[in-house]
Protein backbone atom coordinates (compact mmCIF):
# COMPACT_ATOMS: atom_id res chain seq x y z
CA UNK A 1 61.86 -3.64 69.38
CA UNK A 2 64.98 -3.79 71.76
CA UNK A 3 66.02 -6.76 73.83
CA UNK A 4 64.21 -5.12 76.99
CA UNK A 5 60.73 -4.56 74.90
CA UNK A 6 59.25 -5.25 78.57
CA UNK A 7 60.61 -2.12 80.10
CA UNK A 8 59.66 0.03 77.02
CA UNK A 9 56.73 3.14 77.56
CA UNK A 10 52.90 1.66 76.34
CA UNK A 11 50.41 4.41 75.70
CA UNK A 12 47.81 2.47 77.29
CA UNK A 13 44.15 4.12 75.60
CA UNK A 14 45.78 7.89 76.76
CA UNK A 15 47.40 6.46 79.95
CA UNK A 16 51.13 6.26 79.61
CA UNK A 17 52.67 3.61 81.27
CA UNK A 18 56.30 3.40 82.12
CA UNK A 19 56.87 -0.21 81.16
CA UNK A 20 54.43 -3.09 79.98
CA UNK A 21 55.07 -5.00 82.92
CA UNK A 22 51.74 -5.46 84.81
CA UNK A 23 50.97 -6.69 88.45
CA UNK A 24 48.48 -9.21 88.00
CA UNK A 25 45.13 -9.71 90.36
CA UNK A 26 46.05 -11.69 93.29
CA UNK A 27 43.89 -12.50 95.68
CA UNK A 28 45.73 -11.74 99.31
CA UNK A 29 42.82 -11.64 101.59
CA UNK A 30 44.23 -8.75 103.99
CA UNK A 31 40.62 -6.43 103.83
CA UNK A 32 39.09 -8.11 106.87
CA UNK A 33 35.42 -9.16 107.50
CA UNK A 34 34.22 -5.51 106.55
CA UNK A 35 36.17 -5.78 103.49
CA UNK A 36 37.61 -2.49 103.44
CA UNK A 37 40.89 -1.85 102.00
CA UNK A 38 42.95 -0.57 105.07
CA UNK A 39 46.80 0.97 105.03
CA UNK A 40 48.55 -2.76 105.23
CA UNK A 41 46.80 -2.52 101.68
CA UNK A 42 47.82 0.61 100.61
CA UNK A 43 51.51 -0.03 101.43
CA UNK A 44 51.55 -3.23 99.81
CA UNK A 45 50.15 -1.74 96.45
CA UNK A 46 52.37 1.43 96.68
CA UNK A 47 55.63 -0.82 97.16
CA UNK A 48 54.99 -2.61 93.52
CA UNK A 49 53.85 0.83 91.58
CA UNK A 50 57.25 0.65 89.58
CA UNK A 51 54.77 -1.84 87.63
CA UNK A 52 53.51 -0.27 84.22
CA UNK A 53 50.16 -1.11 85.42
CA UNK A 54 48.78 -2.67 88.81
CA UNK A 55 45.00 -4.84 88.77
CA UNK A 56 44.05 -5.33 92.42
CA UNK A 57 42.58 -8.21 93.63
CA UNK A 58 39.41 -9.92 92.88
CA UNK A 59 37.14 -6.92 94.58
CA UNK A 60 33.33 -8.31 94.88
CA UNK A 61 30.97 -5.69 93.58
CA UNK A 62 28.11 -6.62 95.96
CA UNK A 63 27.24 -8.78 98.71
CA UNK A 64 25.99 -11.39 96.74
CA UNK A 65 29.49 -11.81 94.74
CA UNK A 66 31.23 -12.76 97.91
CA UNK A 67 32.97 -16.07 97.73
CA UNK A 68 36.13 -15.72 99.69
CA UNK A 69 37.05 -14.70 103.65
CA UNK A 70 38.26 -11.25 103.92
CA UNK A 71 38.61 -10.11 100.47
CA UNK A 72 38.29 -6.24 99.73
CA UNK A 73 34.50 -4.71 98.67
CA UNK A 74 33.13 -2.09 96.02
CA UNK A 75 29.62 -2.15 97.00
CA UNK A 76 29.49 0.51 99.83
CA UNK A 77 31.30 4.15 100.45
CA UNK A 78 33.07 2.82 103.50
CA UNK A 79 35.11 0.49 100.95
CA UNK A 80 35.43 3.18 98.29
CA UNK A 81 36.91 5.28 100.87
CA UNK A 82 39.32 2.43 101.98
CA UNK A 83 40.31 2.31 98.37
CA UNK A 84 41.35 5.90 98.14
CA UNK A 85 44.08 5.25 100.63
CA UNK A 86 45.59 2.73 97.95
CA UNK A 87 45.09 4.77 95.33
CA UNK A 88 46.53 7.79 96.50
CA UNK A 89 49.70 5.94 97.52
CA UNK A 90 50.28 4.15 94.25
CA UNK A 91 49.81 7.54 92.33
CA UNK A 92 52.02 9.31 94.81
CA UNK A 93 54.82 6.29 94.39
CA UNK A 94 54.27 7.17 90.45
CA UNK A 95 52.19 3.97 89.80
CA UNK A 96 48.92 3.46 87.46
CA UNK A 97 46.27 0.91 89.12
CA UNK A 98 42.72 -0.41 87.54
CA UNK A 99 40.30 -2.18 90.25
CA UNK A 100 39.10 -5.86 89.08
CA UNK A 101 35.31 -6.33 89.56
CA UNK A 102 34.53 -9.71 90.69
CA UNK A 103 31.39 -11.91 91.20
CA UNK A 104 32.05 -15.28 92.43
CA UNK A 105 28.45 -17.07 91.22
CA UNK A 106 28.84 -20.49 92.35
CA UNK A 107 32.16 -20.72 93.70
CA UNK A 108 31.11 -19.71 97.10
CA UNK A 109 28.94 -21.04 99.77
CA UNK A 110 25.68 -20.16 101.55
CA UNK A 111 27.97 -19.24 104.97
CA UNK A 112 28.74 -16.27 103.24
CA UNK A 113 24.78 -15.21 102.67
CA UNK A 114 23.13 -16.18 105.39
CA UNK A 115 22.38 -19.33 104.47
CA UNK A 116 21.21 -18.10 101.11
CA UNK A 117 22.65 -20.63 98.39
CA UNK A 118 24.99 -18.97 95.90
CA UNK A 119 24.16 -18.16 92.43
CA UNK A 120 25.26 -19.08 88.83
CA UNK A 121 24.30 -19.53 85.34
CA UNK A 122 22.63 -22.92 86.00
CA UNK A 123 21.97 -25.29 89.06
CA UNK A 124 25.11 -26.87 89.04
CA UNK A 125 28.00 -27.28 91.64
CA UNK A 126 31.59 -27.79 91.71
CA UNK A 127 31.99 -31.51 91.96
CA UNK A 128 34.59 -32.80 93.77
CA UNK A 129 36.09 -29.47 95.62
CA UNK A 130 35.86 -27.52 98.77
CA UNK A 131 35.79 -24.17 99.78
CA UNK A 132 37.32 -22.35 102.50
CA UNK A 133 34.28 -20.65 104.27
CA UNK A 134 33.28 -18.87 107.66
CA UNK A 135 32.23 -21.99 109.48
CA UNK A 136 35.47 -23.84 108.05
CA UNK A 137 36.04 -25.73 104.97
CA UNK A 138 33.43 -27.01 102.74
CA UNK A 139 32.17 -28.95 99.87
CA UNK A 140 30.54 -26.77 97.29
CA UNK A 141 26.94 -26.68 96.93
CA UNK A 142 24.24 -26.60 94.05
CA UNK A 143 23.84 -22.85 93.33
CA UNK A 144 20.16 -21.20 92.52
CA UNK A 145 20.04 -20.49 89.05
CA UNK A 146 19.75 -16.70 88.79
CA UNK A 147 15.90 -15.90 86.79
CA UNK A 148 16.15 -13.83 83.73
CA UNK A 149 14.34 -11.04 86.01
CA UNK A 150 17.23 -10.81 88.17
CA UNK A 151 20.19 -10.25 85.56
CA UNK A 152 19.29 -6.36 84.78
CA UNK A 153 20.31 -5.99 88.50
CA UNK A 154 23.66 -7.89 88.36
CA UNK A 155 24.72 -5.61 85.58
CA UNK A 156 23.13 -2.74 87.52
CA UNK A 157 25.58 -3.73 90.53
CA UNK A 158 29.05 -3.38 88.10
CA UNK A 159 28.07 -0.14 86.91
CA UNK A 160 27.66 0.90 90.71
CA UNK A 161 31.00 -0.88 91.57
CA UNK A 162 32.57 1.42 88.70
CA UNK A 163 31.77 4.43 89.75
CA UNK A 164 32.59 3.75 93.31
CA UNK A 165 35.93 2.71 92.02
CA UNK A 166 36.29 5.79 89.57
CA UNK A 167 35.55 7.91 92.88
CA UNK A 168 37.97 6.07 95.01
CA UNK A 169 40.94 7.73 92.37
CA UNK A 170 41.57 3.85 90.02
CA UNK A 171 42.73 4.52 86.67
CA UNK A 172 40.35 2.10 85.19
CA UNK A 173 38.63 -1.13 86.05
CA UNK A 174 38.65 -4.58 84.82
CA UNK A 175 35.84 -6.99 84.36
CA UNK A 176 36.78 -10.66 85.92
CA UNK A 177 35.45 -13.02 83.38
CA UNK A 178 37.98 -15.30 83.77
CA UNK A 179 38.59 -18.67 86.21
CA UNK A 180 35.06 -20.19 86.55
CA UNK A 181 33.41 -17.31 88.46
CA UNK A 182 30.33 -15.58 87.29
CA UNK A 183 30.40 -13.90 84.12
CA UNK A 184 32.95 -17.01 83.28
CA UNK A 185 29.67 -19.76 84.31
CA UNK A 186 27.66 -17.68 81.78
CA UNK A 187 29.93 -17.87 78.80
CA UNK A 188 30.73 -21.55 79.16
CA UNK A 189 28.58 -24.74 78.05
CA UNK A 190 29.68 -26.45 80.77
CA UNK A 191 27.95 -24.38 83.71
CA UNK A 192 25.28 -22.75 81.18
CA UNK A 193 22.32 -25.01 80.86
CA UNK A 194 20.26 -22.04 80.79
CA UNK A 195 16.59 -21.94 78.42
CA UNK A 196 16.40 -18.50 77.73
CA UNK A 197 18.30 -15.62 76.09
CA UNK A 198 21.26 -16.01 78.22
CA UNK A 199 21.83 -19.89 76.95
CA UNK A 200 22.37 -22.07 74.81
CA UNK A 201 24.15 -20.82 71.51
CA UNK A 202 27.39 -18.56 71.92
CA UNK A 203 25.53 -15.64 71.24
CA UNK A 204 23.40 -16.01 74.13
CA UNK A 205 26.18 -17.23 76.50
CA UNK A 206 27.77 -13.58 75.57
CA UNK A 207 24.87 -11.58 76.33
CA UNK A 208 25.18 -10.92 79.74
CA UNK A 209 28.84 -10.05 79.54
CA UNK A 210 28.42 -7.99 77.32
CA UNK A 211 25.53 -5.96 79.15
CA UNK A 212 28.17 -5.99 81.83
CA UNK A 213 30.79 -4.44 80.02
CA UNK A 214 28.79 -1.75 77.93
CA UNK A 215 27.41 -0.72 81.34
CA UNK A 216 30.74 -0.44 82.85
CA UNK A 217 31.63 1.62 79.84
CA UNK A 218 28.52 3.99 80.19
CA UNK A 219 29.64 4.37 84.18
CA UNK A 220 33.36 5.21 82.87
CA UNK A 221 34.64 5.01 79.52
CA UNK A 222 35.58 2.36 77.29
CA UNK A 223 39.23 3.36 77.39
CA UNK A 224 39.31 2.62 81.23
CA UNK A 225 38.02 -0.68 80.78
CA UNK A 226 39.48 -3.85 80.21
CA UNK A 227 38.41 -7.43 80.71
CA UNK A 228 39.98 -10.44 81.59
CA UNK A 229 39.12 -14.11 80.34
CA UNK A 230 40.68 -17.91 80.94
CA UNK A 231 40.10 -19.56 77.67
CA UNK A 232 42.65 -22.40 78.73
CA UNK A 233 41.70 -22.30 82.38
CA UNK A 234 40.50 -25.62 84.46
CA UNK A 235 40.14 -23.47 87.86
CA UNK A 236 36.74 -23.76 89.37
CA UNK A 237 36.07 -27.38 87.35
CA UNK A 238 35.86 -25.35 83.83
CA UNK A 239 36.55 -26.32 80.49
CA UNK A 240 33.90 -26.32 77.91
CA UNK A 241 34.19 -28.69 74.42
CA UNK A 242 33.58 -25.45 72.01
CA UNK A 243 36.31 -22.98 73.85
CA UNK A 244 38.47 -22.15 70.67
CA UNK A 245 35.12 -20.89 68.98
CA UNK A 246 33.62 -19.38 72.02
CA UNK A 247 36.21 -17.44 72.80
CA UNK A 248 37.40 -16.28 69.32
CA UNK A 249 33.90 -14.91 68.99
CA UNK A 250 34.33 -13.31 72.73
CA UNK A 251 37.57 -11.38 71.38
CA UNK A 252 35.94 -10.48 68.51
CA UNK A 253 32.80 -8.72 70.18
CA UNK A 254 34.89 -7.11 72.40
CA UNK A 255 37.58 -5.69 70.12
CA UNK A 256 34.12 -3.80 68.71
CA UNK A 257 33.96 -1.94 71.84
CA UNK A 258 37.36 -0.22 72.10
CA UNK A 259 38.54 -1.60 75.47
CA UNK A 260 41.51 -0.39 77.43
CA UNK A 261 42.39 -3.99 76.80
CA UNK A 262 42.23 -7.56 77.08
CA UNK A 263 43.55 -9.86 79.68
CA UNK A 264 44.07 -13.41 78.33
CA UNK A 265 45.54 -16.24 80.33
CA UNK A 266 46.93 -17.83 77.85
CA UNK A 267 49.24 -19.67 80.00
CA UNK A 268 48.24 -23.46 81.41
CA UNK A 269 50.04 -23.16 84.95
CA UNK A 270 47.38 -21.98 86.53
CA UNK A 271 44.91 -25.46 85.09
CA UNK A 272 44.72 -26.97 82.00
CA UNK A 273 41.53 -28.20 80.69
CA UNK A 274 43.27 -30.26 78.18
CA UNK A 275 40.20 -30.62 75.75
CA UNK A 276 42.52 -29.62 72.61
CA UNK A 277 45.65 -27.22 71.77
CA UNK A 278 45.89 -24.33 73.93
CA UNK A 279 44.99 -20.71 72.56
CA UNK A 280 47.55 -18.28 71.85
CA UNK A 281 48.34 -14.76 72.21
CA UNK A 282 48.68 -15.10 68.43
CA UNK A 283 44.93 -16.34 67.76
CA UNK A 284 43.79 -13.67 70.12
CA UNK A 285 45.79 -10.86 68.47
CA UNK A 286 43.82 -11.69 64.99
CA UNK A 287 40.28 -11.25 66.71
CA UNK A 288 41.32 -8.62 69.25
CA UNK A 289 43.34 -5.28 67.55
CA UNK A 290 43.66 -3.31 70.72
CA UNK A 291 45.96 -3.38 73.53
CA UNK A 292 46.72 -7.04 74.08
CA UNK A 293 47.75 -8.48 77.69
CA UNK A 294 49.26 -12.22 78.25
CA UNK A 295 49.33 -13.67 81.52
CA UNK A 296 49.97 -16.88 83.48
CA UNK A 297 53.80 -18.56 83.64
CA UNK A 298 55.51 -15.81 82.21
CA UNK A 299 59.25 -15.65 82.82
CA UNK A 300 61.27 -12.65 82.20
CA UNK A 301 62.56 -14.20 78.99
CA UNK A 302 59.60 -15.37 77.96
CA UNK A 303 57.54 -12.37 78.21
CA UNK A 304 60.28 -10.37 76.50
CA UNK A 305 60.00 -12.54 73.37
CA UNK A 306 56.34 -12.02 73.16
CA UNK A 307 56.43 -8.59 73.35
CA UNK A 308 59.34 -8.83 70.77
CA UNK A 309 57.19 -10.69 68.56
CA UNK A 310 54.02 -8.55 68.46
CA UNK A 311 51.81 -10.90 70.26
CA UNK A 312 51.18 -9.03 73.03
CA UNK A 313 51.61 -5.75 74.41
CA UNK A 314 51.78 -5.76 78.06
CA UNK A 315 52.39 -9.18 80.23
CA UNK A 316 50.99 -9.61 83.79
CA UNK A 317 52.70 -11.12 86.26
CA UNK A 318 51.23 -12.55 89.58
CA UNK A 319 53.03 -14.90 91.79
CA UNK A 320 57.02 -12.90 91.22
CA UNK A 321 55.59 -9.88 92.50
CA UNK A 322 54.21 -11.32 96.22
CA UNK A 323 57.87 -12.13 97.30
CA UNK A 324 59.71 -9.13 94.68
CA UNK A 325 58.08 -5.99 95.34
CA UNK A 326 60.74 -4.39 93.06
CA UNK A 327 60.39 -6.86 90.22
CA UNK A 328 61.02 -3.96 87.65
CA UNK A 329 64.33 -3.08 88.92
CA UNK A 330 65.11 -6.77 89.13
CA UNK A 331 64.57 -7.53 85.57
CA UNK A 332 66.21 -4.38 84.29
CA UNK A 333 69.36 -4.82 86.52
CA UNK A 334 69.33 -8.71 85.73
CA UNK A 335 69.16 -8.94 90.01
CA UNK A 336 68.03 -12.19 90.95
CA UNK A 337 64.89 -13.20 91.96
CA UNK A 338 64.04 -13.71 95.81
CA UNK A 339 62.82 -17.36 96.90
CA UNK A 340 58.73 -18.00 95.70
CA UNK A 341 56.71 -17.23 98.40
CA UNK A 342 55.15 -20.21 100.62
CA UNK A 343 51.60 -20.68 99.87
CA UNK A 344 50.78 -20.64 103.81
CA UNK A 345 51.39 -16.71 103.44
CA UNK A 346 49.25 -16.00 100.33
CA UNK A 347 45.95 -16.19 101.87
CA UNK A 348 46.80 -15.80 106.11
CA UNK A 349 45.33 -12.45 106.63
CA UNK A 350 47.98 -10.77 108.64
CA UNK A 351 50.84 -8.81 107.56
CA UNK A 352 53.49 -11.74 107.77
CA UNK A 353 54.55 -12.74 103.74
CA UNK A 354 52.61 -9.69 102.63
CA UNK A 355 54.39 -5.87 102.97
CA UNK A 356 57.31 -7.40 104.52
CA UNK A 357 59.39 -8.57 101.68
CA UNK A 358 62.75 -6.47 101.06
CA UNK A 359 63.72 -5.07 97.81
CA UNK A 360 67.12 -6.43 96.54
CA UNK A 361 68.88 -3.27 97.39
CA UNK A 362 67.37 -3.67 100.86
CA UNK A 363 68.99 -7.30 100.79
CA UNK A 364 72.17 -6.14 100.17
CA UNK A 365 72.50 -2.92 102.49
């Protein structure tokens, strides 16, 4: 492959991507209290439509799944209509966009749920950390363990969200099973101490993710469904001793489902559990035969190398896309990147630091 491997087109299960640069999902908190996507969000995503693929910010599938202020939702028709503004804008700009499906699980607070505790695989809290809530910064609470008979309802919520996403004009969906959110809480022994068929063995802990993925595929099509995992991650107090065996099994099981892609956060810049050597894309390439996407902390050079070496088909970039809406063009032309955005504007709820970043050419004009 050429020196500009990232700029080569890619056939994603029939979706023709202009390049292999993906805009990673990033929570930006601009949907307001209604969680309905708006014109500002449409502008933001359309500005970045030169990415081969955009994956939206994590989008809650149900009221039970909420755990972040002003994050977008996909659990009612008004939210789906709002997302149409976004998909129309991205498609008019020539882009492709997948919707990331999210349930926060224990990474939430009762103030989001009218005083009801958040839910998880088991009643184990996130220790030594805080969450920003409608009533200010709070300590995490001990969640309520979901009852076995409640789990089909959770699976159904993912399927309903998928159907709404399809109706809103998305090109596909990504199941968020990373970063210590609900599906990751079921996968990992650190957070799953259930005595039922969804706990104990790796096979049992995978069961909920498997059921969710199957339901989402039934609601759309397997070639329109991706899954994101974080085998090396410590975010939301995650990290389990058997991580290598667990995530190899997860990849093997997902490989049987003919998915659009597997999105692996193989980089350790988002927090590393340090329980052993980090899992690599090369390991996942052996376990998963479909399109493989790497993520977290990549530079243009390291991403080019991963694709050129055949370890990944696609690489997702997060923070660089915040201040570089024209990241693809900057990579293609060797233009310098803008200074990174300050954390204060990542989740500030307003337009500042969101859709007001100039392109390189605008800066030079």
